[in-house]
Amino acid sequence: MLSREELLARHCRPLEGEGAMSPAEVQAQLAALDGWGLVDGQIVRTYRFDDFHQTIAFVNALAEMIHREDHHPELIVSYNRCQVRFNTHSVKGISINDFICAAKADAIYAQRASQQSA
């Protein structure tokens, strides 16, 4: 299992020819990230905001990271929340790339929250 800090230091990489993480590996890695859970074969977290403007600002910041990492989640966006769902189609399951991006999404959320409270 990688720590949150180790996940943040990594970048996504192509995984062709590799398999998905085992259920035990997924559960162990989930322990490193607060707020994430396993739902229908994806790791999922819902981020909450005060209003639509904050929600969209988060989505835009998330989009920049996703583009850099070239690992795209499913996003469900509404007025004051954004649900993020990761899995890796090329391995037909969950991979370390999902956890790398999940950790980076959490960092974006934390940074935005600290800016809002400052």
PDB file of N, CA and C in Angstrom:
ATOM      1  N   MET A   1       0.830  -1.180   0.000  1.00  0.00           N
ATOM      2  CA  MET A   1       0.000   0.000   0.000  1.00  0.00           C
ATOM      3  C   MET A   1       0.878   1.248   0.000  1.00  0.00           C
ATOM      4  N   LEU A   2       0.476   2.225  -0.800  1.00  0.00           N
ATOM      5  CA  LEU A   2       1.196   3.489  -0.844  1.00  0.00           C
ATOM      6  C   LEU A   2       0.506   4.503   0.050  1.00  0.00           C
ATOM      7  N   SER A   3       1.301   5.356   0.673  1.00  0.00           N
ATOM      8  CA  SER A   3       0.734   6.429   1.488  1.00  0.00           C
ATOM      9  C   SER A   3       0.166   7.519   0.584  1.00  0.00           C
ATOM     10  N   ARG A   4      -0.598   8.406   1.168  1.00  0.00           N
ATOM     11  CA  ARG A   4      -1.147   9.550   0.435  1.00  0.00           C
ATOM     12  C   ARG A   4      -0.015  10.351  -0.210  1.00  0.00           C
ATOM     13  N   GLU A   5       1.061  10.582   0.536  1.00  0.00           N
ATOM     14  CA  GLU A   5       2.201  11.347   0.034  1.00  0.00           C
ATOM     15  C   GLU A   5       2.880  10.636  -1.143  1.00  0.00           C
ATOM     16  N   GLU A   6       2.998   9.321  -1.050  1.00  0.00           N
ATOM     17  CA  GLU A   6       3.590   8.561  -2.159  1.00  0.00           C
ATOM     18  C   GLU A   6       2.705   8.619  -3.398  1.00  0.00           C
ATOM     19  N   LEU A   7       1.389   8.547  -3.208  1.00  0.00           N
ATOM     20  CA  LEU A   7       0.469   8.660  -4.341  1.00  0.00           C
ATOM     21  C   LEU A   7       0.593  10.029  -4.994  1.00  0.00           C
ATOM     22  N   LEU A   8       0.682  11.084  -4.176  1.00  0.00           N
ATOM     23  CA  LEU A   8       0.794  12.444  -4.719  1.00  0.00           C
ATOM     24  C   LEU A   8       2.083  12.645  -5.515  1.00  0.00           C
ATOM     25  N   ALA A   9       3.122  11.934  -5.165  1.00  0.00           N
ATOM     26  CA  ALA A   9       4.412  12.081  -5.847  1.00  0.00           C
ATOM     27  C   ALA A   9       4.473  11.328  -7.181  1.00  0.00           C
ATOM     28  N   ARG A  10       3.538  10.447  -7.415  1.00  0.00           N
ATOM     29  CA  ARG A  10       3.534   9.635  -8.634  1.00  0.00           C
ATOM     30  C   ARG A  10       2.714  10.274  -9.741  1.00  0.00           C
ATOM     31  N   HIS A  11       2.907   9.741 -10.950  1.00  0.00           N
ATOM     32  CA  HIS A  11       2.099  10.120 -12.103  1.00  0.00           C
ATOM     33  C   HIS A  11       1.531   8.859 -12.731  1.00  0.00           C
ATOM     34  N   CYS A  12       0.388   9.007 -13.355  1.00  0.00           N
ATOM     35  CA  CYS A  12      -0.230   7.871 -14.032  1.00  0.00           C
ATOM     36  C   CYS A  12       0.657   7.413 -15.184  1.00  0.00           C
ATOM     37  N   ARG A  13       0.575   6.120 -15.469  1.00  0.00           N
ATOM     38  CA  ARG A  13       1.344   5.545 -16.572  1.00  0.00           C
ATOM     39  C   ARG A  13       0.485   4.534 -17.302  1.00  0.00           C
ATOM     40  N   PRO A  14       0.814   4.262 -18.555  1.00  0.00           N
ATOM     41  CA  PRO A  14       0.048   3.243 -19.293  1.00  0.00           C
ATOM     42  C   PRO A  14       0.155   1.888 -18.590  1.00  0.00           C
ATOM     43  N   LEU A  15      -0.937   1.150 -18.579  1.00  0.00           N
ATOM     44  CA  LEU A  15      -0.981  -0.126 -17.861  1.00  0.00           C
ATOM     45  C   LEU A  15      -1.349  -1.293 -18.758  1.00  0.00           C
ATOM     46  N   GLU A  16      -1.218  -1.133 -20.063  1.00  0.00           N
ATOM     47  CA  GLU A  16      -1.571  -2.229 -20.969  1.00  0.00           C
ATOM     48  C   GLU A  16      -0.784  -3.478 -20.585  1.00  0.00           C
ATOM     49  N   GLY A  17      -1.470  -4.589 -20.569  1.00  0.00           N
ATOM     50  CA  GLY A  17      -0.835  -5.855 -20.226  1.00  0.00           C
ATOM     51  C   GLY A  17      -0.821  -6.149 -18.734  1.00  0.00           C
ATOM     52  N   GLU A  18      -1.221  -5.182 -17.923  1.00  0.00           N
ATOM     53  CA  GLU A  18      -1.274  -5.402 -16.483  1.00  0.00           C
ATOM     54  C   GLU A  18      -2.708  -5.683 -16.065  1.00  0.00           C
ATOM     55  N   GLY A  19      -2.862  -6.354 -14.961  1.00  0.00           N
ATOM     56  CA  GLY A  19      -4.190  -6.655 -14.456  1.00  0.00           C
ATOM     57  C   GLY A  19      -4.659  -5.636 -13.438  1.00  0.00           C
ATOM     58  N   ALA A  20      -5.907  -5.733 -13.089  1.00  0.00           N
ATOM     59  CA  ALA A  20      -6.492  -4.872 -12.067  1.00  0.00           C
ATOM     60  C   ALA A  20      -5.961  -5.272 -10.691  1.00  0.00           C
ATOM     61  N   MET A  21      -6.081  -4.365  -9.760  1.00  0.00           N
ATOM     62  CA  MET A  21      -5.728  -4.662  -8.378  1.00  0.00           C
ATOM     63  C   MET A  21      -6.721  -5.691  -7.834  1.00  0.00           C
ATOM     64  N   SER A  22      -6.264  -6.517  -6.928  1.00  0.00           N
ATOM     65  CA  SER A  22      -7.152  -7.492  -6.293  1.00  0.00           C
ATOM     66  C   SER A  22      -8.079  -6.753  -5.321  1.00  0.00           C
ATOM     67  N   PRO A  23      -9.204  -7.373  -4.960  1.00  0.00           N
ATOM     68  CA  PRO A  23     -10.096  -6.741  -3.970  1.00  0.00           C
ATOM     69  C   PRO A  23      -9.361  -6.395  -2.666  1.00  0.00           C
ATOM     70  N   ALA A  24      -8.472  -7.247  -2.219  1.00  0.00           N
ATOM     71  CA  ALA A  24      -7.722  -6.978  -0.985  1.00  0.00           C
ATOM     72  C   ALA A  24      -6.790  -5.781  -1.164  1.00  0.00           C
ATOM     73  N   GLU A  25      -6.140  -5.679  -2.327  1.00  0.00           N
ATOM     74  CA  GLU A  25      -5.268  -4.534  -2.606  1.00  0.00           C
ATOM     75  C   GLU A  25      -6.067  -3.234  -2.656  1.00  0.00           C
ATOM     76  N   VAL A  26      -7.238  -3.287  -3.266  1.00  0.00           N
ATOM     77  CA  VAL A  26      -8.095  -2.102  -3.348  1.00  0.00           C
ATOM     78  C   VAL A  26      -8.500  -1.661  -1.946  1.00  0.00           C
ATOM     79  N   GLN A  27      -8.952  -2.595  -1.118  1.00  0.00           N
ATOM     80  CA  GLN A  27      -9.362  -2.250   0.241  1.00  0.00           C
ATOM     81  C   GLN A  27      -8.202  -1.675   1.054  1.00  0.00           C
ATOM     82  N   ALA A  28      -7.023  -2.261   0.913  1.00  0.00           N
ATOM     83  CA  ALA A  28      -5.854  -1.758   1.640  1.00  0.00           C
ATOM     84  C   ALA A  28      -5.504  -0.345   1.177  1.00  0.00           C
ATOM     85  N   GLN A  29      -5.565  -0.109  -0.125  1.00  0.00           N
ATOM     86  CA  GLN A  29      -5.212   1.217  -0.644  1.00  0.00           C
ATOM     87  C   GLN A  29      -6.269   2.249  -0.280  1.00  0.00           C
ATOM     88  N   LEU A  30      -7.536   1.856  -0.230  1.00  0.00           N
ATOM     89  CA  LEU A  30      -8.595   2.780   0.193  1.00  0.00           C
ATOM     90  C   LEU A  30      -8.334   3.328   1.595  1.00  0.00           C
ATOM     91  N   ALA A  31      -7.681   2.546   2.426  1.00  0.00           N
ATOM     92  CA  ALA A  31      -7.394   2.982   3.792  1.00  0.00           C
ATOM     93  C   ALA A  31      -6.486   4.207   3.827  1.00  0.00           C
ATOM     94  N   ALA A  32      -5.738   4.459   2.761  1.00  0.00           N
ATOM     95  CA  ALA A  32      -4.838   5.613   2.713  1.00  0.00           C
ATOM     96  C   ALA A  32      -5.555   6.910   2.357  1.00  0.00           C
ATOM     97  N   LEU A  33      -6.808   6.814   1.909  1.00  0.00           N
ATOM     98  CA  LEU A  33      -7.541   7.996   1.444  1.00  0.00           C
ATOM     99  C   LEU A  33      -8.868   8.123   2.190  1.00  0.00           C
ATOM    100  N   ASP A  34      -9.065   9.249   2.840  1.00  0.00           N
ATOM    101  CA  ASP A  34     -10.321   9.504   3.554  1.00  0.00           C
ATOM    102  C   ASP A  34     -11.426   9.835   2.564  1.00  0.00           C
ATOM    103  N   GLY A  35     -12.618   9.331   2.846  1.00  0.00           N
ATOM    104  CA  GLY A  35     -13.797   9.713   2.088  1.00  0.00           C
ATOM    105  C   GLY A  35     -14.062   8.915   0.830  1.00  0.00           C
ATOM    106  N   TRP A  36     -13.148   8.060   0.429  1.00  0.00           N
ATOM    107  CA  TRP A  36     -13.317   7.259  -0.781  1.00  0.00           C
ATOM    108  C   TRP A  36     -13.880   5.897  -0.406  1.00  0.00           C
ATOM    109  N   GLY A  37     -14.729   5.366  -1.284  1.00  0.00           N
ATOM    110  CA  GLY A  37     -15.288   4.042  -1.077  1.00  0.00           C
ATOM    111  C   GLY A  37     -15.360   3.289  -2.390  1.00  0.00           C
ATOM    112  N   LEU A  38     -15.684   2.041  -2.308  1.00  0.00           N
ATOM    113  CA  LEU A  38     -15.812   1.184  -3.477  1.00  0.00           C
ATOM    114  C   LEU A  38     -17.291   1.021  -3.796  1.00  0.00           C
ATOM    115  N   VAL A  39     -17.683   1.425  -5.005  1.00  0.00           N
ATOM    116  CA  VAL A  39     -19.079   1.339  -5.436  1.00  0.00           C
ATOM    117  C   VAL A  39     -19.104   0.836  -6.875  1.00  0.00           C
ATOM    118  N   ASP A  40     -19.743  -0.296  -7.101  1.00  0.00           N
ATOM    119  CA  ASP A  40     -19.924  -0.831  -8.456  1.00  0.00           C
ATOM    120  C   ASP A  40     -18.618  -0.886  -9.261  1.00  0.00           C
ATOM    121  N   GLY A  41     -17.552  -1.352  -8.632  1.00  0.00           N
ATOM    122  CA  GLY A  41     -16.287  -1.528  -9.342  1.00  0.00           C
ATOM    123  C   GLY A  41     -15.521  -0.248  -9.602  1.00  0.00           C
ATOM    124  N   GLN A  42     -15.869   0.818  -8.890  1.00  0.00           N
ATOM    125  CA  GLN A  42     -15.164   2.091  -9.022  1.00  0.00           C
ATOM    126  C   GLN A  42     -14.850   2.625  -7.631  1.00  0.00           C
ATOM    127  N   ILE A  43     -13.766   3.418  -7.522  1.00  0.00           N
ATOM    128  CA  ILE A  43     -13.566   4.140  -6.278  1.00  0.00           C
ATOM    129  C   ILE A  43     -14.285   5.477  -6.432  1.00  0.00           C
ATOM    130  N   VAL A  44     -15.009   5.870  -5.379  1.00  0.00           N
ATOM    131  CA  VAL A  44     -15.955   6.980  -5.476  1.00  0.00           C
ATOM    132  C   VAL A  44     -15.837   7.883  -4.249  1.00  0.00           C
ATOM    133  N   ARG A  45     -15.894   9.197  -4.518  1.00  0.00           N
ATOM    134  CA  ARG A  45     -15.996  10.180  -3.437  1.00  0.00           C
ATOM    135  C   ARG A  45     -16.882  11.324  -3.911  1.00  0.00           C
ATOM    136  N   THR A  46     -17.685  11.845  -2.996  1.00  0.00           N
ATOM    137  CA  THR A  46     -18.490  13.025  -3.279  1.00  0.00           C
ATOM    138  C   THR A  46     -17.918  14.200  -2.499  1.00  0.00           C
ATOM    139  N   TYR A  47     -17.588  15.256  -3.224  1.00  0.00           N
ATOM    140  CA  TYR A  47     -17.087  16.495  -2.634  1.00  0.00           C
ATOM    141  C   TYR A  47     -18.252  17.476  -2.531  1.00  0.00           C
ATOM    142  N   ARG A  48     -18.326  18.198  -1.425  1.00  0.00           N
ATOM    143  CA  ARG A  48     -19.429  19.135  -1.195  1.00  0.00           C
ATOM    144  C   ARG A  48     -18.908  20.578  -1.155  1.00  0.00           C
ATOM    145  N   PHE A  49     -19.770  21.503  -1.620  1.00  0.00           N
ATOM    146  CA  PHE A  49     -19.408  22.914  -1.739  1.00  0.00           C
ATOM    147  C   PHE A  49     -20.557  23.782  -1.268  1.00  0.00           C
ATOM    148  N   ASP A  50     -20.289  25.074  -1.103  1.00  0.00           N
ATOM    149  CA  ASP A  50     -21.320  26.016  -0.672  1.00  0.00           C
ATOM    150  C   ASP A  50     -22.266  26.403  -1.788  1.00  0.00           C
ATOM    151  N   ASP A  51     -21.758  26.417  -3.021  1.00  0.00           N
ATOM    152  CA  ASP A  51     -22.596  26.878  -4.132  1.00  0.00           C
ATOM    153  C   ASP A  51     -22.061  26.334  -5.457  1.00  0.00           C
ATOM    154  N   PHE A  52     -22.781  26.641  -6.518  1.00  0.00           N
ATOM    155  CA  PHE A  52     -22.428  26.138  -7.848  1.00  0.00           C
ATOM    156  C   PHE A  52     -21.097  26.694  -8.329  1.00  0.00           C
ATOM    157  N   HIS A  53     -20.824  27.956  -8.022  1.00  0.00           N
ATOM    158  CA  HIS A  53     -19.556  28.561  -8.443  1.00  0.00           C
ATOM    159  C   HIS A  53     -18.370  27.782  -7.884  1.00  0.00           C
ATOM    160  N   GLN A  54     -18.406  27.442  -6.603  1.00  0.00           N
ATOM    161  CA  GLN A  54     -17.321  26.663  -5.991  1.00  0.00           C
ATOM    162  C   GLN A  54     -17.231  25.265  -6.599  1.00  0.00           C
ATOM    163  N   THR A  55     -18.381  24.678  -6.881  1.00  0.00           N
ATOM    164  CA  THR A  55     -18.398  23.344  -7.490  1.00  0.00           C
ATOM    165  C   THR A  55     -17.702  23.370  -8.841  1.00  0.00           C
ATOM    166  N   ILE A  56     -18.063  24.332  -9.680  1.00  0.00           N
ATOM    167  CA  ILE A  56     -17.489  24.410 -11.027  1.00  0.00           C
ATOM    168  C   ILE A  56     -16.011  24.783 -10.971  1.00  0.00           C
ATOM    169  N   ALA A  57     -15.615  25.622 -10.037  1.00  0.00           N
ATOM    170  CA  ALA A  57     -14.195  25.954  -9.885  1.00  0.00           C
ATOM    171  C   ALA A  57     -13.391  24.693  -9.552  1.00  0.00           C
ATOM    172  N   PHE A  58     -13.941  23.845  -8.687  1.00  0.00           N
ATOM    173  CA  PHE A  58     -13.281  22.571  -8.369  1.00  0.00           C
ATOM    174  C   PHE A  58     -13.210  21.690  -9.607  1.00  0.00           C
ATOM    175  N   VAL A  59     -14.304  21.583 -10.343  1.00  0.00           N
ATOM    176  CA  VAL A  59     -14.328  20.749 -11.550  1.00  0.00           C
ATOM    177  C   VAL A  59     -13.277  21.239 -12.550  1.00  0.00           C
ATOM    178  N   ASN A  60     -13.150  22.550 -12.713  1.00  0.00           N
ATOM    179  CA  ASN A  60     -12.152  23.088 -13.642  1.00  0.00           C
ATOM    180  C   ASN A  60     -10.728  22.777 -13.189  1.00  0.00           C
ATOM    181  N   ALA A  61     -10.460  22.910 -11.892  1.00  0.00           N
ATOM    182  CA  ALA A  61      -9.133  22.559 -11.370  1.00  0.00           C
ATOM    183  C   ALA A  61      -8.876  21.063 -11.516  1.00  0.00           C
ATOM    184  N   LEU A  62      -9.891  20.263 -11.256  1.00  0.00           N
ATOM    185  CA  LEU A  62      -9.784  18.818 -11.419  1.00  0.00           C
ATOM    186  C   LEU A  62      -9.494  18.464 -12.875  1.00  0.00           C
ATOM    187  N   ALA A  63     -10.160  19.144 -13.801  1.00  0.00           N
ATOM    188  CA  ALA A  63      -9.966  18.874 -15.229  1.00  0.00           C
ATOM    189  C   ALA A  63      -8.515  19.095 -15.655  1.00  0.00           C
ATOM    190  N   GLU A  64      -7.873  20.112 -15.104  1.00  0.00           N
ATOM    191  CA  GLU A  64      -6.459  20.354 -15.435  1.00  0.00           C
ATOM    192  C   GLU A  64      -5.586  19.192 -14.990  1.00  0.00           C
ATOM    193  N   MET A  65      -5.811  18.703 -13.770  1.00  0.00           N
ATOM    194  CA  MET A  65      -5.030  17.569 -13.266  1.00  0.00           C
ATOM    195  C   MET A  65      -5.303  16.315 -14.091  1.00  0.00           C
ATOM    196  N   ILE A  66      -6.561  16.071 -14.370  1.00  0.00           N
ATOM    197  CA  ILE A  66      -6.954  14.888 -15.134  1.00  0.00           C
ATOM    198  C   ILE A  66      -6.292  14.889 -16.510  1.00  0.00           C
ATOM    199  N   HIS A  67      -6.265  16.050 -17.126  1.00  0.00           N
ATOM    200  CA  HIS A  67      -5.632  16.170 -18.441  1.00  0.00           C
ATOM    201  C   HIS A  67      -4.133  15.868 -18.350  1.00  0.00           C
ATOM    202  N   ARG A  68      -3.461  16.429 -17.341  1.00  0.00           N
ATOM    203  CA  ARG A  68      -2.015  16.172 -17.167  1.00  0.00           C
ATOM    204  C   ARG A  68      -1.752  14.688 -16.940  1.00  0.00           C
ATOM    205  N   GLU A  69      -2.588  14.049 -16.131  1.00  0.00           N
ATOM    206  CA  GLU A  69      -2.382  12.638 -15.794  1.00  0.00           C
ATOM    207  C   GLU A  69      -2.905  11.701 -16.882  1.00  0.00           C
ATOM    208  N   ASP A  70      -3.731  12.214 -17.783  1.00  0.00           N
ATOM    209  CA  ASP A  70      -4.344  11.424 -18.852  1.00  0.00           C
ATOM    210  C   ASP A  70      -5.085  10.205 -18.277  1.00  0.00           C
ATOM    211  N   HIS A  71      -5.860  10.490 -17.237  1.00  0.00           N
ATOM    212  CA  HIS A  71      -6.639   9.435 -16.587  1.00  0.00           C
ATOM    213  C   HIS A  71      -7.973  10.056 -16.178  1.00  0.00           C
ATOM    214  N   HIS A  72      -9.017   9.704 -16.884  1.00  0.00           N
ATOM    215  CA  HIS A  72     -10.278  10.444 -16.819  1.00  0.00           C
ATOM    216  C   HIS A  72     -11.348   9.708 -16.026  1.00  0.00           C
ATOM    217  N   PRO A  73     -11.926  10.396 -15.031  1.00  0.00           N
ATOM    218  CA  PRO A  73     -12.989   9.792 -14.231  1.00  0.00           C
ATOM    219  C   PRO A  73     -14.361  10.069 -14.823  1.00  0.00           C
ATOM    220  N   GLU A  74     -15.333   9.497 -14.194  1.00  0.00           N
ATOM    221  CA  GLU A  74     -16.723   9.885 -14.428  1.00  0.00           C
ATOM    222  C   GLU A  74     -17.038  10.944 -13.379  1.00  0.00           C
ATOM    223  N   LEU A  75     -17.615  12.055 -13.811  1.00  0.00           N
ATOM    224  CA  LEU A  75     -17.994  13.133 -12.896  1.00  0.00           C
ATOM    225  C   LEU A  75     -19.507  13.303 -12.927  1.00  0.00           C
ATOM    226  N   ILE A  76     -20.092  13.443 -11.757  1.00  0.00           N
ATOM    227  CA  ILE A  76     -21.508  13.777 -11.647  1.00  0.00           C
ATOM    228  C   ILE A  76     -21.553  15.097 -10.893  1.00  0.00           C
ATOM    229  N   VAL A  77     -21.970  16.155 -11.594  1.00  0.00           N
ATOM    230  CA  VAL A  77     -21.898  17.514 -11.069  1.00  0.00           C
ATOM    231  C   VAL A  77     -23.303  18.049 -10.832  1.00  0.00           C
ATOM    232  N   SER A  78     -23.512  18.630  -9.651  1.00  0.00           N
ATOM    233  CA  SER A  78     -24.774  19.291  -9.356  1.00  0.00           C
ATOM    234  C   SER A  78     -24.468  20.607  -8.642  1.00  0.00           C
ATOM    235  N   TYR A  79     -25.485  21.253  -8.137  1.00  0.00           N
ATOM    236  CA  TYR A  79     -25.349  22.597  -7.582  1.00  0.00           C
ATOM    237  C   TYR A  79     -24.224  22.704  -6.552  1.00  0.00           C
ATOM    238  N   ASN A  80     -24.210  21.853  -5.558  1.00  0.00           N
ATOM    239  CA  ASN A  80     -23.233  22.009  -4.474  1.00  0.00           C
ATOM    240  C   ASN A  80     -22.420  20.748  -4.198  1.00  0.00           C
ATOM    241  N   ARG A  81     -22.275  19.913  -5.207  1.00  0.00           N
ATOM    242  CA  ARG A  81     -21.446  18.711  -5.025  1.00  0.00           C
ATOM    243  C   ARG A  81     -20.962  18.174  -6.370  1.00  0.00           C
ATOM    244  N   CYS A  82     -19.895  17.413  -6.260  1.00  0.00           N
ATOM    245  CA  CYS A  82     -19.333  16.736  -7.431  1.00  0.00           C
ATOM    246  C   CYS A  82     -18.919  15.344  -6.982  1.00  0.00           C
ATOM    247  N   GLN A  83     -19.498  14.343  -7.610  1.00  0.00           N
ATOM    248  CA  GLN A  83     -19.103  12.968  -7.335  1.00  0.00           C
ATOM    249  C   GLN A  83     -18.067  12.568  -8.380  1.00  0.00           C
ATOM    250  N   VAL A  84     -16.959  12.002  -7.909  1.00  0.00           N
ATOM    251  CA  VAL A  84     -15.858  11.576  -8.770  1.00  0.00           C
ATOM    252  C   VAL A  84     -15.755  10.062  -8.671  1.00  0.00           C
ATOM    253  N   ARG A  85     -15.711   9.397  -9.838  1.00  0.00           N
ATOM    254  CA  ARG A  85     -15.649   7.934  -9.892  1.00  0.00           C
ATOM    255  C   ARG A  85     -14.484   7.527 -10.799  1.00  0.00           C
ATOM    256  N   PHE A  86     -13.566   6.767 -10.242  1.00  0.00           N
ATOM    257  CA  PHE A  86     -12.422   6.289 -11.018  1.00  0.00           C
ATOM    258  C   PHE A  86     -12.438   4.770 -11.151  1.00  0.00           C
ATOM    259  N   ASN A  87     -12.118   4.293 -12.325  1.00  0.00           N
ATOM    260  CA  ASN A  87     -11.679   2.929 -12.582  1.00  0.00           C
ATOM    261  C   ASN A  87     -10.841   2.977 -13.856  1.00  0.00           C
ATOM    262  N   THR A  88     -10.191   1.885 -14.190  1.00  0.00           N
ATOM    263  CA  THR A  88      -9.268   1.873 -15.324  1.00  0.00           C
ATOM    264  C   THR A  88      -9.771   0.871 -16.357  1.00  0.00           C
ATOM    265  N   HIS A  89     -10.251   1.399 -17.460  1.00  0.00           N
ATOM    266  CA  HIS A  89     -10.826   0.535 -18.495  1.00  0.00           C
ATOM    267  C   HIS A  89      -9.806  -0.447 -19.065  1.00  0.00           C
ATOM    268  N   SER A  90      -8.551  -0.009 -19.215  1.00  0.00           N
ATOM    269  CA  SER A  90      -7.543  -0.872 -19.850  1.00  0.00           C
ATOM    270  C   SER A  90      -7.224  -2.115 -19.028  1.00  0.00           C
ATOM    271  N   VAL A  91      -7.476  -2.084 -17.712  1.00  0.00           N
ATOM    272  CA  VAL A  91      -7.243  -3.273 -16.878  1.00  0.00           C
ATOM    273  C   VAL A  91      -8.555  -3.900 -16.419  1.00  0.00           C
ATOM    274  N   LYS A  92      -9.668  -3.305 -16.858  1.00  0.00           N
ATOM    275  CA  LYS A  92     -11.001  -3.813 -16.511  1.00  0.00           C
ATOM    276  C   LYS A  92     -11.203  -3.904 -14.996  1.00  0.00           C
ATOM    277  N   GLY A  93     -10.792  -2.840 -14.308  1.00  0.00           N
ATOM    278  CA  GLY A  93     -10.940  -2.794 -12.861  1.00  0.00           C
ATOM    279  C   GLY A  93     -10.286  -1.557 -12.296  1.00  0.00           C
ATOM    280  N   ILE A  94      -9.797  -1.678 -11.097  1.00  0.00           N
ATOM    281  CA  ILE A  94      -9.165  -0.558 -10.406  1.00  0.00           C
ATOM    282  C   ILE A  94      -7.659  -0.740 -10.429  1.00  0.00           C
ATOM    283  N   SER A  95      -6.958   0.366 -10.697  1.00  0.00           N
ATOM    284  CA  SER A  95      -5.491   0.334 -10.777  1.00  0.00           C
ATOM    285  C   SER A  95      -4.900   1.408  -9.875  1.00  0.00           C
ATOM    286  N   ILE A  96      -3.601   1.392  -9.766  1.00  0.00           N
ATOM    287  CA  ILE A  96      -2.903   2.415  -8.982  1.00  0.00           C
ATOM    288  C   ILE A  96      -3.146   3.797  -9.570  1.00  0.00           C
ATOM    289  N   ASN A  97      -3.368   3.902 -10.884  1.00  0.00           N
ATOM    290  CA  ASN A  97      -3.656   5.204 -11.494  1.00  0.00           C
ATOM    291  C   ASN A  97      -4.902   5.837 -10.890  1.00  0.00           C
ATOM    292  N   ASP A  98      -5.886   5.026 -10.559  1.00  0.00           N
ATOM    293  CA  ASP A  98      -7.102   5.545  -9.932  1.00  0.00           C
ATOM    294  C   ASP A  98      -6.790   6.178  -8.578  1.00  0.00           C
ATOM    295  N   PHE A  99      -5.940   5.523  -7.817  1.00  0.00           N
ATOM    296  CA  PHE A  99      -5.583   6.045  -6.500  1.00  0.00           C
ATOM    297  C   PHE A  99      -4.677   7.267  -6.588  1.00  0.00           C
ATOM    298  N   ILE A 100      -3.802   7.308  -7.571  1.00  0.00           N
ATOM    299  CA  ILE A 100      -2.969   8.499  -7.783  1.00  0.00           C
ATOM    300  C   ILE A 100      -3.867   9.704  -8.029  1.00  0.00           C
ATOM    301  N   CYS A 101      -4.825   9.559  -8.929  1.00  0.00           N
ATOM    302  CA  CYS A 101      -5.718  10.671  -9.253  1.00  0.00           C
ATOM    303  C   CYS A 101      -6.659  10.995  -8.098  1.00  0.00           C
ATOM    304  N   ALA A 102      -7.070  10.000  -7.352  1.00  0.00           N
ATOM    305  CA  ALA A 102      -7.924  10.252  -6.183  1.00  0.00           C
ATOM    306  C   ALA A 102      -7.176  11.106  -5.158  1.00  0.00           C
ATOM    307  N   ALA A 103      -5.932  10.768  -4.895  1.00  0.00           N
ATOM    308  CA  ALA A 103      -5.123  11.553  -3.945  1.00  0.00           C
ATOM    309  C   ALA A 103      -4.947  12.982  -4.448  1.00  0.00           C
ATOM    310  N   LYS A 104      -4.735  13.136  -5.740  1.00  0.00           N
ATOM    311  CA  LYS A 104      -4.557  14.473  -6.311  1.00  0.00           C
ATOM    312  C   LYS A 104      -5.871  15.257  -6.290  1.00  0.00           C
ATOM    313  N   ALA A 105      -6.995  14.588  -6.486  1.00  0.00           N
ATOM    314  CA  ALA A 105      -8.295  15.259  -6.371  1.00  0.00           C
ATOM    315  C   ALA A 105      -8.500  15.742  -4.933  1.00  0.00           C
ATOM    316  N   ASP A 106      -8.144  14.916  -3.960  1.00  0.00           N
ATOM    317  CA  ASP A 106      -8.254  15.323  -2.558  1.00  0.00           C
ATOM    318  C   ASP A 106      -7.384  16.550  -2.268  1.00  0.00           C
ATOM    319  N   ALA A 107      -6.189  16.585  -2.837  1.00  0.00           N
ATOM    320  CA  ALA A 107      -5.289  17.717  -2.624  1.00  0.00           C
ATOM    321  C   ALA A 107      -5.875  18.999  -3.223  1.00  0.00           C
ATOM    322  N   ILE A 108      -6.484  18.887  -4.386  1.00  0.00           N
ATOM    323  CA  ILE A 108      -7.136  20.044  -5.009  1.00  0.00           C
ATOM    324  C   ILE A 108      -8.271  20.533  -4.116  1.00  0.00           C
ATOM    325  N   TYR A 109      -9.077  19.612  -3.627  1.00  0.00           N
ATOM    326  CA  TYR A 109     -10.193  19.961  -2.754  1.00  0.00           C
ATOM    327  C   TYR A 109      -9.694  20.642  -1.480  1.00  0.00           C
ATOM    328  N   ALA A 110      -8.663  20.094  -0.856  1.00  0.00           N
ATOM    329  CA  ALA A 110      -8.125  20.665   0.369  1.00  0.00           C
ATOM    330  C   ALA A 110      -7.564  22.064   0.124  1.00  0.00           C
ATOM    331  N   GLN A 111      -6.882  22.231  -0.992  1.00  0.00           N
ATOM    332  CA  GLN A 111      -6.319  23.552  -1.314  1.00  0.00           C
ATOM    333  C   GLN A 111      -7.431  24.572  -1.517  1.00  0.00           C
ATOM    334  N   ARG A 112      -8.469  24.193  -2.226  1.00  0.00           N
ATOM    335  CA  ARG A 112      -9.583  25.109  -2.487  1.00  0.00           C
ATOM    336  C   ARG A 112     -10.309  25.441  -1.179  1.00  0.00           C
ATOM    337  N   ALA A 113     -10.468  24.452  -0.307  1.00  0.00           N
ATOM    338  CA  ALA A 113     -11.141  24.680   0.973  1.00  0.00           C
ATOM    339  C   ALA A 113     -10.339  25.638   1.847  1.00  0.00           C
ATOM    340  N   SER A 114      -9.012  25.503   1.843  1.00  0.00           N
ATOM    341  CA  SER A 114      -8.190  26.407   2.658  1.00  0.00           C
ATOM    342  C   SER A 114      -8.223  27.824   2.094  1.00  0.00           C
ATOM    343  N   GLN A 115      -8.337  27.975   0.780  1.00  0.00           N
ATOM    344  CA  GLN A 115      -8.432  29.302   0.175  1.00  0.00           C
ATOM    345  C   GLN A 115      -9.779  29.944   0.517  1.00  0.00           C
ATOM    346  N   GLN A 116     -10.840  29.136   0.588  1.00  0.00           N
ATOM    347  CA  GLN A 116     -12.173  29.661   0.907  1.00  0.00           C
ATOM    348  C   GLN A 116     -12.243  30.153   2.353  1.00  0.00           C
ATOM    349  N   SER A 117     -11.530  29.482   3.246  1.00  0.00           N
ATOM    350  CA  SER A 117     -11.598  29.845   4.670  1.00  0.00           C
ATOM    351  C   SER A 117     -10.606  30.949   5.031  1.00  0.00           C
ATOM    352  N   ALA A 118      -9.704  31.272   4.125  1.00  0.00           N
ATOM    353  CA  ALA A 118      -8.683  32.302   4.421  1.00  0.00           C
ATOM    354  C   ALA A 118      -9.239  33.706   4.245  1.00  0.00           C
TER     355      ALA A 118
END
